[in-house]
């Protein structure tokens, strides 16, 4: 079970004012992988919690396995209340359906097509990811594309080839562009 402790992800901003403690919480969007149960937690240190679940849950942490909007009303010792909204979205590992390479063109490119219920990013080295599924390729050769689900459901990869040929041919025996 994946635990999301909001105290680590989203610290509550607390400001002192005339009425007591004013708390501001950022709303969260959290992906769950194929309806895998996930714990979501409100910040600690409050006197009561009330979630919009049926039945109403009153703990700091609840377990969810379905997409939806979960709202917790948090009350402090001064009886001041604030709400925080968690939007839970389903996600899954991508399936690479096609890699289109425009072989033998002046500028080689590869366009990656995927299916799946997720928010994906793409990489040619497995380290540096981009939101676009289109890559400008520097040379012909073998490449591996990595598709990562931003909600941490996983990474898939596939190898492809980009083909090209020299733009000119100089058969002068100097070993540069002597053959195609």
N, C-alpha and C. Protein backbone atom coordinates (compact mmCIF):
# COMPACT_ATOMS: atom_id res chain seq x y z
N UNK A 1 0.85 -1.17 0.00
CA UNK A 1 0.00 0.00 0.00
C UNK A 1 0.90 1.24 0.00
N UNK A 2 0.58 2.14 -0.86
CA UNK A 2 1.38 3.36 -0.99
C UNK A 2 0.85 4.39 0.01
N UNK A 3 1.72 4.86 0.87
CA UNK A 3 1.32 5.86 1.86
C UNK A 3 1.76 7.23 1.42
N UNK A 4 0.83 8.16 1.48
CA UNK A 4 1.15 9.54 1.16
C UNK A 4 0.93 10.37 2.42
N UNK A 5 1.97 10.79 3.02
CA UNK A 5 1.89 11.59 4.22
C UNK A 5 2.01 13.04 3.80
N UNK A 6 0.92 13.76 3.93
CA UNK A 6 0.91 15.13 3.45
C UNK A 6 1.85 16.03 4.22
N UNK A 7 2.21 15.65 5.42
CA UNK A 7 3.16 16.48 6.15
C UNK A 7 4.49 16.54 5.41
N UNK A 8 4.81 15.48 4.63
CA UNK A 8 6.04 15.46 3.86
C UNK A 8 5.84 16.07 2.49
N UNK A 9 4.70 15.83 1.87
CA UNK A 9 4.45 16.31 0.52
C UNK A 9 3.99 17.76 0.52
N UNK A 10 3.11 18.09 1.43
CA UNK A 10 2.47 19.40 1.40
C UNK A 10 2.38 19.92 2.83
N UNK A 11 3.39 20.67 3.26
CA UNK A 11 3.37 21.18 4.63
C UNK A 11 2.35 22.30 4.75
N UNK A 12 1.62 22.27 5.84
CA UNK A 12 0.65 23.34 6.08
C UNK A 12 1.40 24.62 6.38
N UNK A 13 0.90 25.72 5.82
CA UNK A 13 1.49 27.04 6.06
C UNK A 13 0.68 27.65 7.20
N UNK A 14 1.34 27.95 8.29
CA UNK A 14 0.64 28.47 9.46
C UNK A 14 1.08 29.91 9.72
N UNK A 15 0.11 30.78 9.89
CA UNK A 15 0.37 32.19 10.18
C UNK A 15 -0.41 32.58 11.42
N UNK A 16 0.23 33.35 12.27
CA UNK A 16 -0.44 33.85 13.45
C UNK A 16 -1.20 35.12 13.09
N UNK A 17 -2.46 35.23 13.49
CA UNK A 17 -3.22 36.46 13.29
C UNK A 17 -4.06 36.74 14.53
N UNK A 18 -4.89 37.77 14.48
CA UNK A 18 -5.67 38.18 15.66
C UNK A 18 -6.61 37.09 16.16
N UNK A 19 -7.09 36.23 15.28
CA UNK A 19 -8.10 35.24 15.65
C UNK A 19 -7.48 33.92 16.11
N UNK A 20 -6.21 33.75 16.01
CA UNK A 20 -5.59 32.48 16.37
C UNK A 20 -4.70 32.03 15.23
N UNK A 21 -4.75 30.76 14.90
CA UNK A 21 -3.90 30.23 13.85
C UNK A 21 -4.72 30.10 12.57
N UNK A 22 -4.23 30.70 11.51
CA UNK A 22 -4.86 30.59 10.21
C UNK A 22 -4.04 29.57 9.41
N UNK A 23 -4.72 28.56 8.88
CA UNK A 23 -4.03 27.52 8.13
C UNK A 23 -4.46 27.55 6.68
N UNK A 24 -3.51 27.38 5.80
CA UNK A 24 -3.80 27.29 4.38
C UNK A 24 -3.23 25.98 3.88
N UNK A 25 -4.05 25.18 3.20
CA UNK A 25 -3.61 23.90 2.67
C UNK A 25 -3.77 23.92 1.17
N UNK A 26 -2.80 23.37 0.48
CA UNK A 26 -2.90 23.24 -0.97
C UNK A 26 -3.69 21.98 -1.29
N UNK A 27 -4.56 22.07 -2.28
CA UNK A 27 -5.28 20.89 -2.72
C UNK A 27 -4.30 19.97 -3.44
N UNK A 28 -4.58 18.68 -3.38
CA UNK A 28 -3.66 17.69 -3.95
C UNK A 28 -4.36 16.86 -5.02
N UNK A 29 -3.62 16.54 -6.08
CA UNK A 29 -4.06 15.56 -7.06
C UNK A 29 -3.13 14.37 -6.92
N UNK A 30 -3.71 13.20 -6.67
CA UNK A 30 -2.93 12.01 -6.38
C UNK A 30 -3.37 10.90 -7.32
N UNK A 31 -2.42 10.27 -7.96
CA UNK A 31 -2.73 9.14 -8.83
C UNK A 31 -2.62 7.84 -8.08
N UNK A 32 -3.57 6.95 -8.36
CA UNK A 32 -3.49 5.59 -7.82
C UNK A 32 -3.39 4.63 -9.00
N UNK A 33 -2.58 3.63 -8.84
CA UNK A 33 -2.30 2.70 -9.92
C UNK A 33 -3.31 1.56 -9.92
N UNK A 34 -4.14 1.53 -10.96
CA UNK A 34 -5.10 0.45 -11.15
C UNK A 34 -5.90 0.15 -9.87
N UNK A 35 -6.41 1.20 -9.25
CA UNK A 35 -7.25 1.09 -8.04
C UNK A 35 -6.56 0.43 -6.86
N UNK A 36 -5.23 0.55 -6.80
CA UNK A 36 -4.49 0.03 -5.65
C UNK A 36 -4.79 0.91 -4.44
N UNK A 37 -5.15 0.32 -3.30
CA UNK A 37 -5.44 1.14 -2.12
C UNK A 37 -4.28 2.06 -1.76
N UNK A 38 -4.60 3.29 -1.42
CA UNK A 38 -3.63 4.31 -1.07
C UNK A 38 -4.11 5.05 0.16
N UNK A 39 -3.20 5.30 1.08
CA UNK A 39 -3.53 6.11 2.25
C UNK A 39 -3.34 7.58 1.92
N UNK A 40 -4.32 8.39 2.27
CA UNK A 40 -4.15 9.84 2.19
C UNK A 40 -4.31 10.39 3.60
N UNK A 41 -3.46 11.34 3.92
CA UNK A 41 -3.40 11.85 5.29
C UNK A 41 -3.49 13.36 5.31
N UNK A 42 -4.28 13.85 6.24
CA UNK A 42 -4.33 15.28 6.53
C UNK A 42 -3.17 15.60 7.48
N UNK A 43 -2.77 16.85 7.56
CA UNK A 43 -1.70 17.22 8.48
C UNK A 43 -2.05 16.87 9.93
N UNK A 44 -1.05 16.54 10.71
CA UNK A 44 -1.28 16.18 12.11
C UNK A 44 -1.36 17.43 12.98
N UNK A 45 -1.78 17.24 14.21
CA UNK A 45 -1.78 18.32 15.18
C UNK A 45 -3.10 19.06 15.32
N UNK A 46 -4.17 18.53 14.77
CA UNK A 46 -5.47 19.18 14.87
C UNK A 46 -6.38 18.36 15.78
N UNK A 47 -7.42 19.01 16.28
CA UNK A 47 -8.27 18.33 17.26
C UNK A 47 -9.29 17.38 16.62
N UNK A 48 -9.70 17.64 15.37
CA UNK A 48 -10.64 16.71 14.74
C UNK A 48 -10.53 16.76 13.22
N UNK A 49 -10.99 15.65 12.63
CA UNK A 49 -10.96 15.47 11.18
C UNK A 49 -12.31 14.88 10.77
N UNK A 50 -12.85 15.34 9.65
CA UNK A 50 -14.11 14.80 9.14
C UNK A 50 -14.02 14.71 7.62
N UNK A 51 -14.05 13.48 7.12
CA UNK A 51 -13.93 13.23 5.67
C UNK A 51 -15.31 13.09 5.05
N UNK A 52 -15.44 13.45 3.80
CA UNK A 52 -16.72 13.38 3.09
C UNK A 52 -17.00 11.97 2.55
N UNK A 53 -16.67 10.96 3.31
CA UNK A 53 -16.90 9.58 2.91
C UNK A 53 -18.22 9.10 3.47
N UNK A 54 -18.69 7.98 2.95
CA UNK A 54 -19.92 7.39 3.45
C UNK A 54 -19.61 5.97 3.90
N UNK A 55 -19.56 5.71 5.19
CA UNK A 55 -19.85 6.62 6.29
C UNK A 55 -18.70 7.61 6.51
N UNK A 56 -19.00 8.67 7.23
CA UNK A 56 -18.00 9.70 7.53
C UNK A 56 -16.88 9.07 8.35
N UNK A 57 -15.64 9.36 7.95
CA UNK A 57 -14.48 8.88 8.71
C UNK A 57 -13.89 10.07 9.46
N UNK A 58 -13.38 9.82 10.66
CA UNK A 58 -12.92 10.91 11.53
C UNK A 58 -11.45 10.77 11.92
N UNK A 59 -10.71 9.97 11.19
CA UNK A 59 -9.28 9.81 11.49
C UNK A 59 -8.46 10.76 10.61
N UNK A 60 -7.22 10.95 10.98
CA UNK A 60 -6.32 11.79 10.21
C UNK A 60 -6.03 11.17 8.84
N UNK A 61 -5.98 9.85 8.77
CA UNK A 61 -5.62 9.12 7.56
C UNK A 61 -6.76 8.20 7.15
N UNK A 62 -7.04 8.17 5.85
CA UNK A 62 -8.02 7.21 5.33
C UNK A 62 -7.39 6.45 4.17
N UNK A 63 -7.93 5.27 3.89
CA UNK A 63 -7.49 4.46 2.76
C UNK A 63 -8.52 4.59 1.65
N UNK A 64 -8.04 4.88 0.42
CA UNK A 64 -8.95 4.99 -0.72
C UNK A 64 -8.43 4.09 -1.84
N UNK A 65 -9.37 3.54 -2.61
CA UNK A 65 -8.97 2.72 -3.76
C UNK A 65 -9.76 3.08 -5.01
N UNK A 66 -10.57 4.12 -4.92
CA UNK A 66 -11.35 4.56 -6.06
C UNK A 66 -11.06 6.02 -6.38
N UNK A 67 -11.13 6.34 -7.66
CA UNK A 67 -10.97 7.73 -8.07
C UNK A 67 -12.13 8.54 -7.52
N UNK A 68 -11.88 9.81 -7.28
CA UNK A 68 -12.93 10.68 -6.78
C UNK A 68 -12.34 11.87 -6.05
N UNK A 69 -13.22 12.67 -5.49
CA UNK A 69 -12.81 13.84 -4.72
C UNK A 69 -13.06 13.56 -3.25
N UNK A 70 -12.02 13.68 -2.46
CA UNK A 70 -12.11 13.44 -1.02
C UNK A 70 -11.78 14.75 -0.32
N UNK A 71 -12.69 15.18 0.54
CA UNK A 71 -12.53 16.45 1.24
C UNK A 71 -12.48 16.16 2.73
N UNK A 72 -11.50 16.74 3.40
CA UNK A 72 -11.40 16.61 4.84
C UNK A 72 -11.59 18.00 5.45
N UNK A 73 -12.42 18.06 6.47
CA UNK A 73 -12.58 19.28 7.25
C UNK A 73 -11.76 19.10 8.52
N UNK A 74 -10.84 20.04 8.71
CA UNK A 74 -9.89 19.96 9.82
C UNK A 74 -10.25 21.06 10.82
N UNK A 75 -10.28 20.71 12.09
CA UNK A 75 -10.62 21.67 13.13
C UNK A 75 -9.46 21.75 14.12
N UNK A 76 -9.10 22.99 14.50
CA UNK A 76 -8.03 23.14 15.49
C UNK A 76 -8.63 23.33 16.89
N UNK A 77 -7.77 23.53 17.89
CA UNK A 77 -8.20 23.65 19.28
C UNK A 77 -9.06 24.89 19.51
N UNK A 78 -8.95 25.92 18.66
CA UNK A 78 -9.76 27.13 18.78
C UNK A 78 -11.10 27.00 18.05
N UNK A 79 -11.41 25.79 17.57
CA UNK A 79 -12.65 25.51 16.85
C UNK A 79 -12.71 26.20 15.49
N UNK A 80 -11.55 26.54 14.92
CA UNK A 80 -11.49 27.09 13.57
C UNK A 80 -11.36 25.92 12.60
N UNK A 81 -12.08 25.98 11.49
CA UNK A 81 -12.06 24.88 10.54
C UNK A 81 -11.53 25.34 9.18
N UNK A 82 -10.91 24.41 8.51
CA UNK A 82 -10.44 24.57 7.14
C UNK A 82 -10.68 23.25 6.42
N UNK A 83 -10.75 23.33 5.10
CA UNK A 83 -10.90 22.09 4.33
C UNK A 83 -9.71 21.92 3.40
N UNK A 84 -9.45 20.68 3.10
CA UNK A 84 -8.44 20.33 2.12
C UNK A 84 -9.06 19.30 1.19
N UNK A 85 -8.81 19.47 -0.11
CA UNK A 85 -9.38 18.58 -1.12
C UNK A 85 -8.29 17.72 -1.73
N UNK A 86 -8.59 16.44 -1.84
CA UNK A 86 -7.72 15.47 -2.50
C UNK A 86 -8.48 14.95 -3.71
N UNK A 87 -7.92 15.13 -4.89
CA UNK A 87 -8.52 14.57 -6.10
C UNK A 87 -7.73 13.33 -6.46
N UNK A 88 -8.39 12.18 -6.40
CA UNK A 88 -7.74 10.91 -6.68
C UNK A 88 -8.08 10.51 -8.12
N UNK A 89 -7.03 10.27 -8.93
CA UNK A 89 -7.22 9.90 -10.33
C UNK A 89 -6.62 8.52 -10.56
N UNK A 90 -7.28 7.73 -11.40
CA UNK A 90 -6.74 6.43 -11.77
C UNK A 90 -5.58 6.63 -12.74
N UNK A 91 -4.62 5.76 -12.66
CA UNK A 91 -3.46 5.83 -13.53
C UNK A 91 -2.97 4.42 -13.79
N UNK A 92 -2.16 4.27 -14.83
CA UNK A 92 -1.59 2.97 -15.14
C UNK A 92 -0.35 3.14 -16.00
N UNK A 93 0.41 2.08 -16.11
CA UNK A 93 1.60 2.07 -16.95
C UNK A 93 1.14 2.21 -18.41
N UNK A 94 1.91 2.95 -19.18
CA UNK A 94 1.59 3.15 -20.60
C UNK A 94 1.84 1.87 -21.40
N UNK A 95 1.18 1.78 -22.54
CA UNK A 95 1.47 0.76 -23.54
C UNK A 95 1.94 1.49 -24.79
N UNK A 96 3.16 1.21 -25.21
CA UNK A 96 3.68 1.83 -26.43
C UNK A 96 3.03 1.12 -27.61
N UNK A 97 2.29 1.89 -28.43
CA UNK A 97 1.56 1.28 -29.55
C UNK A 97 2.27 1.49 -30.88
N UNK A 98 3.08 2.54 -31.00
CA UNK A 98 3.75 2.81 -32.26
C UNK A 98 4.91 3.76 -32.04
N UNK A 99 5.97 3.57 -32.81
CA UNK A 99 7.08 4.52 -32.85
C UNK A 99 7.28 4.85 -34.33
N UNK A 100 6.94 6.07 -34.68
CA UNK A 100 7.06 6.50 -36.07
C UNK A 100 8.34 7.31 -36.23
N UNK A 101 9.23 6.81 -37.08
CA UNK A 101 10.51 7.47 -37.34
C UNK A 101 10.50 7.92 -38.79
N UNK A 102 10.85 9.16 -39.02
CA UNK A 102 10.92 9.65 -40.41
C UNK A 102 12.34 9.41 -40.95
N UNK A 103 12.60 8.14 -41.24
CA UNK A 103 13.91 7.72 -41.74
C UNK A 103 14.29 8.47 -43.02
N UNK A 104 15.59 8.66 -43.22
CA UNK A 104 16.18 9.22 -44.42
C UNK A 104 15.80 10.68 -44.68
N UNK A 105 15.32 11.37 -43.68
CA UNK A 105 15.00 12.79 -43.82
C UNK A 105 16.17 13.64 -43.34
N UNK A 106 16.18 14.91 -43.72
CA UNK A 106 17.23 15.85 -43.29
C UNK A 106 17.31 15.89 -41.77
N UNK A 107 16.16 16.04 -41.12
CA UNK A 107 16.09 16.05 -39.65
C UNK A 107 15.33 14.80 -39.21
N UNK A 108 16.04 13.86 -38.59
CA UNK A 108 15.40 12.64 -38.10
C UNK A 108 14.57 12.95 -36.87
N UNK A 109 13.34 12.45 -36.86
CA UNK A 109 12.50 12.59 -35.67
C UNK A 109 11.84 11.25 -35.38
N UNK A 110 11.44 11.08 -34.13
CA UNK A 110 10.67 9.91 -33.72
C UNK A 110 9.48 10.40 -32.92
N UNK A 111 8.30 9.88 -33.23
CA UNK A 111 7.07 10.23 -32.52
C UNK A 111 6.56 8.97 -31.84
N UNK A 112 6.37 9.04 -30.53
CA UNK A 112 5.97 7.89 -29.74
C UNK A 112 4.47 7.96 -29.49
N UNK A 113 3.75 6.88 -29.80
CA UNK A 113 2.31 6.81 -29.53
C UNK A 113 2.08 5.80 -28.42
N UNK A 114 1.25 6.19 -27.46
CA UNK A 114 0.95 5.30 -26.33
C UNK A 114 -0.55 5.29 -26.06
N UNK A 115 -0.98 4.25 -25.38
CA UNK A 115 -2.33 4.20 -24.84
C UNK A 115 -2.20 3.95 -23.35
N UNK A 116 -3.26 4.26 -22.64
CA UNK A 116 -3.28 4.02 -21.21
C UNK A 116 -3.95 5.18 -20.49
N UNK A 117 -4.29 4.94 -19.28
CA UNK A 117 -4.95 5.93 -18.44
C UNK A 117 -3.91 6.49 -17.48
N UNK A 118 -3.15 7.48 -17.96
CA UNK A 118 -2.10 8.03 -17.13
C UNK A 118 -1.63 9.37 -17.65
N UNK A 119 -0.71 9.95 -16.94
CA UNK A 119 -0.08 11.21 -17.30
C UNK A 119 1.38 10.87 -17.57
N UNK A 120 1.77 10.88 -18.85
CA UNK A 120 3.04 10.30 -19.24
C UNK A 120 4.08 11.34 -19.62
N UNK A 121 5.35 10.93 -19.45
CA UNK A 121 6.50 11.72 -19.90
C UNK A 121 7.46 10.76 -20.60
N UNK A 122 8.34 11.33 -21.44
CA UNK A 122 9.12 10.54 -22.39
C UNK A 122 10.60 10.86 -22.27
N UNK A 123 11.45 9.85 -22.53
CA UNK A 123 12.89 10.05 -22.43
C UNK A 123 13.61 9.11 -23.39
N UNK A 124 14.79 9.53 -23.82
CA UNK A 124 15.65 8.65 -24.62
C UNK A 124 16.82 8.10 -23.80
N UNK A 125 16.98 8.57 -22.56
CA UNK A 125 18.06 8.06 -21.72
C UNK A 125 17.57 7.48 -20.39
N UNK A 126 16.28 7.56 -20.13
CA UNK A 126 15.73 7.05 -18.88
C UNK A 126 15.99 7.95 -17.69
N UNK A 127 16.58 9.12 -17.93
CA UNK A 127 16.90 10.06 -16.85
C UNK A 127 16.21 11.40 -17.06
N UNK A 128 16.43 11.99 -18.22
CA UNK A 128 15.86 13.29 -18.53
C UNK A 128 14.56 13.09 -19.31
N UNK A 129 13.44 13.47 -18.70
CA UNK A 129 12.13 13.25 -19.31
C UNK A 129 11.57 14.57 -19.83
N UNK A 130 10.69 14.45 -20.84
CA UNK A 130 10.01 15.60 -21.41
C UNK A 130 8.54 15.24 -21.60
N UNK A 131 7.69 16.27 -21.68
CA UNK A 131 6.26 16.02 -21.83
C UNK A 131 5.87 15.67 -23.26
N UNK A 132 6.67 16.08 -24.23
CA UNK A 132 6.36 15.82 -25.64
C UNK A 132 6.79 14.42 -26.05
N UNK A 133 5.98 13.72 -26.84
CA UNK A 133 6.36 12.40 -27.34
C UNK A 133 7.17 12.46 -28.63
N UNK A 134 7.62 13.64 -29.03
CA UNK A 134 8.39 13.82 -30.27
C UNK A 134 9.84 14.11 -29.93
N UNK A 135 10.74 13.40 -30.58
CA UNK A 135 12.17 13.59 -30.35
C UNK A 135 12.86 13.96 -31.65
N UNK A 136 13.75 14.92 -31.59
CA UNK A 136 14.67 15.22 -32.68
C UNK A 136 15.91 14.36 -32.44
N UNK A 137 16.22 13.52 -33.40
CA UNK A 137 17.32 12.57 -33.24
C UNK A 137 18.58 13.14 -33.87
N UNK A 138 19.68 13.04 -33.17
CA UNK A 138 20.93 13.64 -33.64
C UNK A 138 21.60 12.83 -34.75
N UNK A 139 21.35 11.53 -34.77
CA UNK A 139 22.04 10.65 -35.71
C UNK A 139 21.20 9.42 -35.98
N UNK A 140 21.56 8.69 -37.01
CA UNK A 140 20.92 7.40 -37.21
C UNK A 140 21.49 6.44 -36.17
N UNK A 141 20.75 5.36 -35.91
CA UNK A 141 21.25 4.37 -34.96
C UNK A 141 20.13 3.79 -34.13
N UNK A 142 20.55 3.07 -33.09
CA UNK A 142 19.63 2.42 -32.18
C UNK A 142 19.30 3.36 -31.02
N UNK A 143 18.03 3.44 -30.67
CA UNK A 143 17.56 4.27 -29.56
C UNK A 143 16.63 3.44 -28.68
N UNK A 144 16.53 3.83 -27.43
CA UNK A 144 15.54 3.26 -26.53
C UNK A 144 14.72 4.40 -25.98
N UNK A 145 13.40 4.28 -26.11
CA UNK A 145 12.50 5.29 -25.56
C UNK A 145 11.92 4.74 -24.25
N UNK A 146 11.82 5.62 -23.26
CA UNK A 146 11.25 5.30 -21.96
C UNK A 146 10.01 6.15 -21.77
N UNK A 147 8.91 5.51 -21.35
CA UNK A 147 7.67 6.22 -21.08
C UNK A 147 7.33 5.99 -19.61
N UNK A 148 7.31 7.09 -18.86
CA UNK A 148 7.09 7.04 -17.41
C UNK A 148 5.72 7.60 -17.07
N UNK A 149 5.00 6.91 -16.20
CA UNK A 149 3.75 7.45 -15.66
C UNK A 149 4.11 8.40 -14.53
N UNK A 150 3.70 9.65 -14.63
CA UNK A 150 4.04 10.66 -13.62
C UNK A 150 3.42 10.38 -12.26
N UNK A 151 2.45 9.47 -12.21
CA UNK A 151 1.83 9.10 -10.93
C UNK A 151 2.50 7.89 -10.31
N UNK A 152 3.71 7.57 -10.77
CA UNK A 152 4.54 6.50 -10.20
C UNK A 152 3.98 5.10 -10.38
N UNK A 153 3.25 4.88 -11.47
CA UNK A 153 2.76 3.53 -11.74
C UNK A 153 3.78 2.68 -12.49
N UNK A 154 4.79 3.30 -13.07
CA UNK A 154 5.82 2.51 -13.71
C UNK A 154 6.33 3.11 -15.00
N UNK A 155 7.39 2.48 -15.51
CA UNK A 155 8.06 2.90 -16.74
C UNK A 155 8.07 1.72 -17.70
N UNK A 156 7.81 2.00 -18.98
CA UNK A 156 7.99 1.00 -20.02
C UNK A 156 9.03 1.52 -21.00
N UNK A 157 9.66 0.63 -21.72
CA UNK A 157 10.66 1.07 -22.70
C UNK A 157 10.62 0.16 -23.91
N UNK A 158 11.09 0.71 -25.01
CA UNK A 158 11.16 -0.05 -26.26
C UNK A 158 12.30 0.50 -27.10
N UNK A 159 12.98 -0.41 -27.79
CA UNK A 159 14.10 -0.04 -28.66
C UNK A 159 13.58 0.18 -30.08
N UNK A 160 14.15 1.17 -30.76
CA UNK A 160 13.82 1.42 -32.16
C UNK A 160 15.07 1.88 -32.89
N UNK A 161 14.98 1.93 -34.21
CA UNK A 161 16.11 2.31 -35.04
C UNK A 161 15.73 3.49 -35.92
N UNK A 162 16.67 4.40 -36.09
CA UNK A 162 16.53 5.51 -37.03
C UNK A 162 17.54 5.28 -38.14
N UNK A 163 17.08 5.37 -39.39
CA UNK A 163 17.94 5.09 -40.53
C UNK A 163 18.20 6.37 -41.32
N UNK A 164 19.42 6.48 -41.81
CA UNK A 164 19.79 7.63 -42.62
C UNK A 164 20.93 7.22 -43.54
N UNK A 165 21.34 8.12 -44.38
CA UNK A 165 22.46 7.88 -45.26
C UNK A 165 23.19 9.20 -45.45
N UNK A 166 24.46 9.15 -45.82
CA UNK A 166 25.20 10.40 -46.02
C UNK A 166 24.55 11.22 -47.13
N UNK A 167 24.58 12.51 -47.01
CA UNK A 167 23.98 13.39 -48.00
C UNK A 167 24.84 13.52 -49.24
N UNK A 168 26.09 13.10 -49.10
CA UNK A 168 26.98 13.14 -50.27
C UNK A 168 27.94 11.96 -50.19
N UNK A 169 28.65 11.73 -51.29
CA UNK A 169 29.47 10.56 -51.45
C UNK A 169 30.77 11.02 -52.13
N UNK A 170 31.91 10.73 -51.46
CA UNK A 170 33.21 11.16 -52.00
C UNK A 170 34.16 9.97 -52.03
N UNK A 171 34.14 9.18 -53.09
CA UNK A 171 34.97 7.97 -53.16
C UNK A 171 36.43 8.28 -53.50
N UNK A 172 37.10 9.00 -52.57
CA UNK A 172 38.49 9.40 -52.85
C UNK A 172 39.51 8.63 -52.02
N UNK A 173 39.07 7.61 -51.26
CA UNK A 173 40.00 6.78 -50.52
C UNK A 173 40.44 7.33 -49.17
N UNK A 174 39.83 8.42 -48.69
CA UNK A 174 40.24 8.98 -47.40
C UNK A 174 39.44 8.40 -46.22
N UNK A 175 38.60 7.41 -46.47
CA UNK A 175 37.75 6.75 -45.47
C UNK A 175 36.64 7.64 -44.90
N UNK A 176 36.37 8.78 -45.50
CA UNK A 176 35.24 9.63 -45.11
C UNK A 176 34.27 9.68 -46.27
N UNK A 177 33.08 9.17 -46.06
CA UNK A 177 32.01 9.19 -47.07
C UNK A 177 32.44 8.50 -48.38
N UNK A 178 33.30 7.47 -48.26
CA UNK A 178 33.76 6.76 -49.45
C UNK A 178 32.68 5.80 -49.97
N UNK A 179 31.84 5.33 -49.05
CA UNK A 179 30.78 4.41 -49.46
C UNK A 179 29.46 4.82 -48.81
N UNK A 180 28.39 4.26 -49.31
CA UNK A 180 27.06 4.50 -48.73
C UNK A 180 26.78 3.37 -47.84
